[in-house]
Amino acid sequence: MKRARGSITLVVCLVLGLAGALALIKPKFLDGDSKRAAQSEKASSHVEAAVKESLTAENNKGAVAAASVQSIKNASADLPESPATDFIRREVDVPLALLPKPDYQALLEAEKRRAAYMQGRLEEADKLYAKMTETTVGLMRAKDEADRKLSQAFVDRRAVDSELAEVAAARLAAERQRNFFILIAVVAIVLWLVSKFYGVSPSSLGRIVADVRSGIDPIVAIDTHTYPHVHAAIKKASKLAQ
């Protein structure tokens, strides 16, 4: 009886050990939470920086454009009265209201171009416009580069979010797996306790049968090779069966 129960105990210990090991095992990609948190923070910082850079580039373009519109409005003050002049004076107020505040340096450059044309210095005006073209190209390139960085920042942000979503799903699956094996361990413990409390091994049954065949009273044989509480349970069941 002791040998059989020892085998049961060994099996239960193996089951509990396996369940415990599986409950503690984590997939490798579930490790490194700090690293992923740092990557997420870095991706967010890149998005914020890229957004600011894009807005700044757009504002710079608008401020230079506003300076040019403001110079046009200033020039319209010297024009003779006419419906076209009145229209220009009123219409330029529309983009000026929508555009950023005119850039001070750009406004000075626009006024230089206006003065050069008004005074007939056309060669100088051409040079000033060539310079303005370079400035415009530079502003456009800066805006395109800022937009490219912003697009890449969003791509990186989505990649980090996708990884975080995959890790969250894997973590949930691991937790469910761990809970499942914990349940197995609890069931194994309960079965082990039941077997310890009420168990009658084949070896014990064999001894009982051998004693009965040798002429020993069956009740005495059962009482000899089982625990008192098992014998009491058997006695109670026999009374109920009568």
Protein backbone atom coordinates (compact mmCIF):
# COMPACT_ATOMS: atom_id res chain seq x y z
CA MET A 1 0.00 0.00 0.00
CA LYS A 2 2.82 2.35 0.83
CA ARG A 3 4.57 1.56 -2.46
CA ALA A 4 1.43 2.30 -4.49
CA ARG A 5 0.80 5.55 -2.68
CA GLY A 6 4.43 6.46 -3.18
CA SER A 7 3.94 6.01 -6.94
CA ILE A 8 0.82 8.18 -6.84
CA THR A 9 2.73 10.85 -4.92
CA LEU A 10 5.55 10.76 -7.49
CA VAL A 11 3.14 11.16 -10.39
CA VAL A 12 1.34 14.03 -8.68
CA CYS A 13 4.67 15.75 -7.97
CA LEU A 14 5.66 15.40 -11.60
CA VAL A 15 2.34 16.88 -12.74
CA LEU A 16 2.66 19.77 -10.30
CA GLY A 17 6.25 20.38 -11.35
CA LEU A 18 5.31 20.42 -15.04
CA ALA A 19 2.34 22.70 -14.42
CA GLY A 20 4.48 25.06 -12.35
CA ALA A 21 7.20 25.18 -14.98
CA LEU A 22 4.73 25.90 -17.78
CA ALA A 23 3.02 28.52 -15.63
CA LEU A 24 6.28 30.39 -15.15
CA ILE A 25 7.61 30.10 -18.69
CA LYS A 26 7.23 33.25 -20.79
CA PRO A 27 7.86 33.59 -24.49
CA LYS A 28 11.02 35.57 -25.14
CA PHE A 29 9.16 38.31 -26.97
CA LEU A 30 7.21 39.04 -23.78
CA ASP A 31 10.42 40.22 -22.15
CA GLY A 32 11.87 43.71 -22.61
CA ASP A 33 8.92 45.84 -21.50
CA SER A 34 11.26 48.70 -20.60
CA LYS A 35 12.83 48.57 -24.04
CA ARG A 36 9.46 48.67 -25.77
CA ALA A 37 8.31 51.53 -23.53
CA ALA A 38 11.45 53.47 -24.51
CA GLN A 39 10.82 52.73 -28.19
CA SER A 40 7.23 53.93 -27.86
CA GLU A 41 8.34 57.13 -26.13
CA LYS A 42 11.01 57.68 -28.77
CA ALA A 43 8.50 57.16 -31.60
CA SER A 44 6.10 59.63 -30.00
CA SER A 45 8.90 62.17 -29.61
CA HIS A 46 9.81 61.79 -33.27
CA VAL A 47 6.19 62.37 -34.28
CA GLU A 48 5.95 65.48 -32.12
CA ALA A 49 9.24 66.84 -33.47
CA ALA A 50 8.25 66.09 -37.07
CA VAL A 51 4.87 67.77 -36.61
CA LYS A 52 6.54 70.89 -35.19
CA GLU A 53 9.07 70.93 -38.03
CA SER A 54 6.33 70.57 -40.64
CA LEU A 55 4.25 73.33 -39.04
CA THR A 56 7.28 75.60 -38.83
CA ALA A 57 8.11 75.01 -42.50
CA GLU A 58 4.51 75.72 -43.48
CA ASN A 59 4.45 78.85 -41.33
CA ASN A 60 7.69 80.08 -42.90
CA LYS A 61 6.20 79.69 -46.36
CA GLY A 62 3.05 81.50 -45.30
CA ALA A 63 4.98 84.34 -43.63
CA VAL A 64 7.03 84.96 -46.78
CA ALA A 65 3.87 84.81 -48.93
CA ALA A 66 2.16 87.25 -46.55
CA ALA A 67 5.09 89.64 -46.91
CA SER A 68 4.68 89.59 -50.70
CA VAL A 69 0.92 90.21 -50.43
CA GLN A 70 1.53 93.05 -47.99
CA SER A 71 3.93 94.65 -50.46
CA ILE A 72 1.29 94.39 -53.18
CA LYS A 73 -1.17 96.15 -50.88
CA ASN A 74 1.39 98.88 -50.21
CA ALA A 75 1.93 99.33 -53.95
CA SER A 76 -1.81 99.63 -54.57
CA ALA A 77 -1.86 102.79 -52.49
CA ASP A 78 0.09 104.58 -55.26
CA LEU A 79 -2.27 103.47 -58.05
CA PRO A 80 -4.91 105.83 -59.48
CA GLU A 81 -8.49 105.22 -58.44
CA SER A 82 -10.29 102.62 -60.52
CA PRO A 83 -12.48 99.55 -60.02
CA ALA A 84 -9.41 97.33 -60.52
CA THR A 85 -7.45 99.27 -57.92
CA ASP A 86 -10.33 99.11 -55.46
CA PHE A 87 -10.59 95.36 -56.03
CA ILE A 88 -6.86 94.81 -55.41
CA ARG A 89 -6.93 96.86 -52.23
CA ARG A 90 -9.87 94.90 -50.84
CA GLU A 91 -8.90 91.48 -52.14
CA VAL A 92 -5.39 91.45 -50.66
CA ASP A 93 -6.95 91.70 -47.22
CA VAL A 94 -8.40 88.20 -47.69
CA PRO A 95 -5.07 86.29 -47.91
CA LEU A 96 -3.50 88.61 -45.32
CA ALA A 97 -6.22 87.61 -42.85
CA LEU A 98 -5.62 83.91 -43.52
CA LEU A 99 -1.84 83.88 -43.78
CA PRO A 100 0.59 84.14 -40.85
CA LYS A 101 2.03 87.48 -39.87
CA PRO A 102 4.39 88.70 -42.63
CA ASP A 103 8.03 87.82 -42.07
CA TYR A 104 9.93 91.01 -41.32
CA GLN A 105 12.98 90.21 -43.44
CA ALA A 106 10.84 88.93 -46.31
CA LEU A 107 8.78 92.13 -46.15
CA LEU A 108 11.96 94.21 -46.48
CA GLU A 109 13.00 92.17 -49.51
CA ALA A 110 9.54 92.56 -51.08
CA GLU A 111 9.69 96.33 -50.55
CA LYS A 112 13.12 96.41 -52.23
CA ARG A 113 11.67 94.66 -55.27
CA ARG A 114 8.72 97.05 -55.35
CA ALA A 115 10.98 100.10 -55.09
CA ALA A 116 13.30 98.80 -57.82
CA TYR A 117 10.36 98.39 -60.22
CA MET A 118 8.76 101.68 -59.30
CA GLN A 119 12.03 103.50 -59.85
CA GLY A 120 12.77 101.76 -63.12
CA ARG A 121 15.75 99.77 -61.88
CA LEU A 122 14.69 96.67 -63.75
CA GLU A 123 18.08 94.95 -63.76
CA GLU A 124 18.25 95.20 -59.99
CA ALA A 125 14.65 94.00 -59.77
CA ASP A 126 15.52 90.93 -61.85
CA LYS A 127 18.38 90.09 -59.48
CA LEU A 128 16.11 90.52 -56.48
CA TYR A 129 13.50 88.22 -58.04
CA ALA A 130 16.18 85.64 -58.85
CA LYS A 131 17.19 85.74 -55.21
CA MET A 132 13.52 85.40 -54.21
CA THR A 133 13.22 82.36 -56.46
CA GLU A 134 16.10 80.69 -54.61
CA THR A 135 14.40 81.51 -51.31
CA THR A 136 11.12 80.06 -52.55
CA VAL A 137 12.81 76.86 -53.72
CA GLY A 138 14.55 76.56 -50.36
CA LEU A 139 11.26 76.98 -48.50
CA MET A 140 9.57 74.38 -50.68
CA ARG A 141 12.39 71.90 -50.16
CA ALA A 142 12.32 72.47 -46.41
CA LYS A 143 8.57 71.81 -46.38
CA ASP A 144 8.93 68.66 -48.49
CA GLU A 145 11.69 67.35 -46.22
CA ALA A 146 9.62 68.12 -43.13
CA ASP A 147 6.64 66.29 -44.62
CA ARG A 148 8.86 63.31 -45.48
CA LYS A 149 10.12 63.14 -41.90
CA LEU A 150 6.57 63.41 -40.61
CA SER A 151 5.40 60.55 -42.83
CA GLN A 152 8.30 58.39 -41.68
CA ALA A 153 7.60 59.26 -38.05
CA PHE A 154 4.01 58.09 -38.46
CA VAL A 155 5.21 54.87 -40.12
CA ASP A 156 7.56 54.23 -37.17
CA ARG A 157 4.78 55.05 -34.71
CA ARG A 158 2.42 52.57 -36.39
CA ALA A 159 5.16 49.90 -36.36
CA VAL A 160 5.68 50.36 -32.61
CA ASP A 161 1.92 50.31 -32.01
CA SER A 162 1.63 47.10 -34.03
CA GLU A 163 4.38 45.47 -31.98
CA LEU A 164 2.74 46.57 -28.73
CA ALA A 165 -0.58 45.11 -29.92
CA GLU A 166 1.09 41.79 -30.77
CA VAL A 167 2.82 41.68 -27.39
CA ALA A 168 -0.44 42.46 -25.60
CA ALA A 169 -2.17 39.61 -27.45
CA ALA A 170 0.69 37.23 -26.68
CA ARG A 171 0.69 38.27 -23.02
CA LEU A 172 -3.05 37.57 -22.79
CA ALA A 173 -2.54 34.14 -24.36
CA ALA A 174 0.30 33.41 -21.92
CA GLU A 175 -1.82 34.44 -18.95
CA ARG A 176 -4.66 32.18 -20.11
CA GLN A 177 -2.21 29.33 -20.59
CA ARG A 178 -0.77 29.91 -17.13
CA ASN A 179 -4.24 29.95 -15.58
CA PHE A 180 -5.07 26.71 -17.39
CA PHE A 181 -2.03 24.95 -15.98
CA ILE A 182 -2.73 26.35 -12.52
CA LEU A 183 -6.19 24.81 -12.79
CA ILE A 184 -4.60 21.50 -13.76
CA ALA A 185 -2.32 21.75 -10.72
CA VAL A 186 -5.27 22.43 -8.41
CA VAL A 187 -7.19 19.45 -9.82
CA ALA A 188 -4.09 17.26 -9.42
CA ILE A 189 -3.74 18.32 -5.78
CA VAL A 190 -7.39 17.57 -5.09
CA LEU A 191 -7.10 14.15 -6.72
CA TRP A 192 -3.94 13.47 -4.75
CA LEU A 193 -5.64 14.40 -1.49
CA VAL A 194 -8.63 12.20 -2.33
CA SER A 195 -6.31 9.31 -3.18
CA LYS A 196 -4.43 9.81 0.07
CA PHE A 197 -7.65 9.93 2.09
CA TYR A 198 -9.70 7.17 0.44
CA GLY A 199 -7.17 5.36 -1.73
CA VAL A 200 -6.95 1.57 -1.69
CA SER A 201 -4.07 0.38 -3.84
CA PRO A 202 -4.03 -2.85 -5.88
CA SER A 203 -1.42 -4.10 -3.44
CA SER A 204 -3.81 -3.54 -0.50
CA LEU A 205 -6.64 -5.26 -2.36
CA GLY A 206 -4.33 -8.17 -3.10
CA ARG A 207 -3.47 -8.59 0.56
CA ILE A 208 -7.13 -8.41 1.52
CA VAL A 209 -8.04 -11.09 -1.04
CA ALA A 210 -5.15 -13.28 0.12
CA ASP A 211 -6.26 -12.97 3.75
CA VAL A 212 -9.87 -13.80 2.86
CA ARG A 213 -8.79 -16.85 0.89
CA SER A 214 -6.69 -17.98 3.81
CA GLY A 215 -9.77 -17.99 6.02
CA ILE A 216 -9.48 -14.65 7.76
CA ASP A 217 -12.72 -12.81 8.27
CA PRO A 218 -13.20 -10.28 5.37
CA ILE A 219 -13.99 -7.45 7.77
CA VAL A 220 -10.82 -8.14 9.71
CA ALA A 221 -8.83 -8.31 6.45
CA ILE A 222 -10.23 -4.96 5.27
CA ASP A 223 -9.68 -3.40 8.70
CA THR A 224 -6.08 -4.63 8.68
CA HIS A 225 -5.06 -3.32 5.28
CA THR A 226 -6.96 -0.01 5.11
CA TYR A 227 -6.96 3.16 7.13
CA PRO A 228 -9.61 3.46 9.84
CA HIS A 229 -11.57 6.18 8.03
CA VAL A 230 -11.64 4.06 4.84
CA HIS A 231 -12.84 1.06 6.81
CA ALA A 232 -15.52 3.23 8.45
CA ALA A 233 -16.67 4.49 5.05
CA ILE A 234 -16.88 0.91 3.75
CA LYS A 235 -18.85 -0.13 6.83
CA LYS A 236 -21.27 2.75 6.43
CA ALA A 237 -21.77 2.00 2.73
CA SER A 238 -22.45 -1.67 3.52
CA LYS A 239 -25.15 -0.68 6.03
CA LEU A 240 -26.80 1.61 3.50
CA ALA A 241 -26.80 -1.16 0.92
CA GLN A 242 -28.71 -3.55 3.21
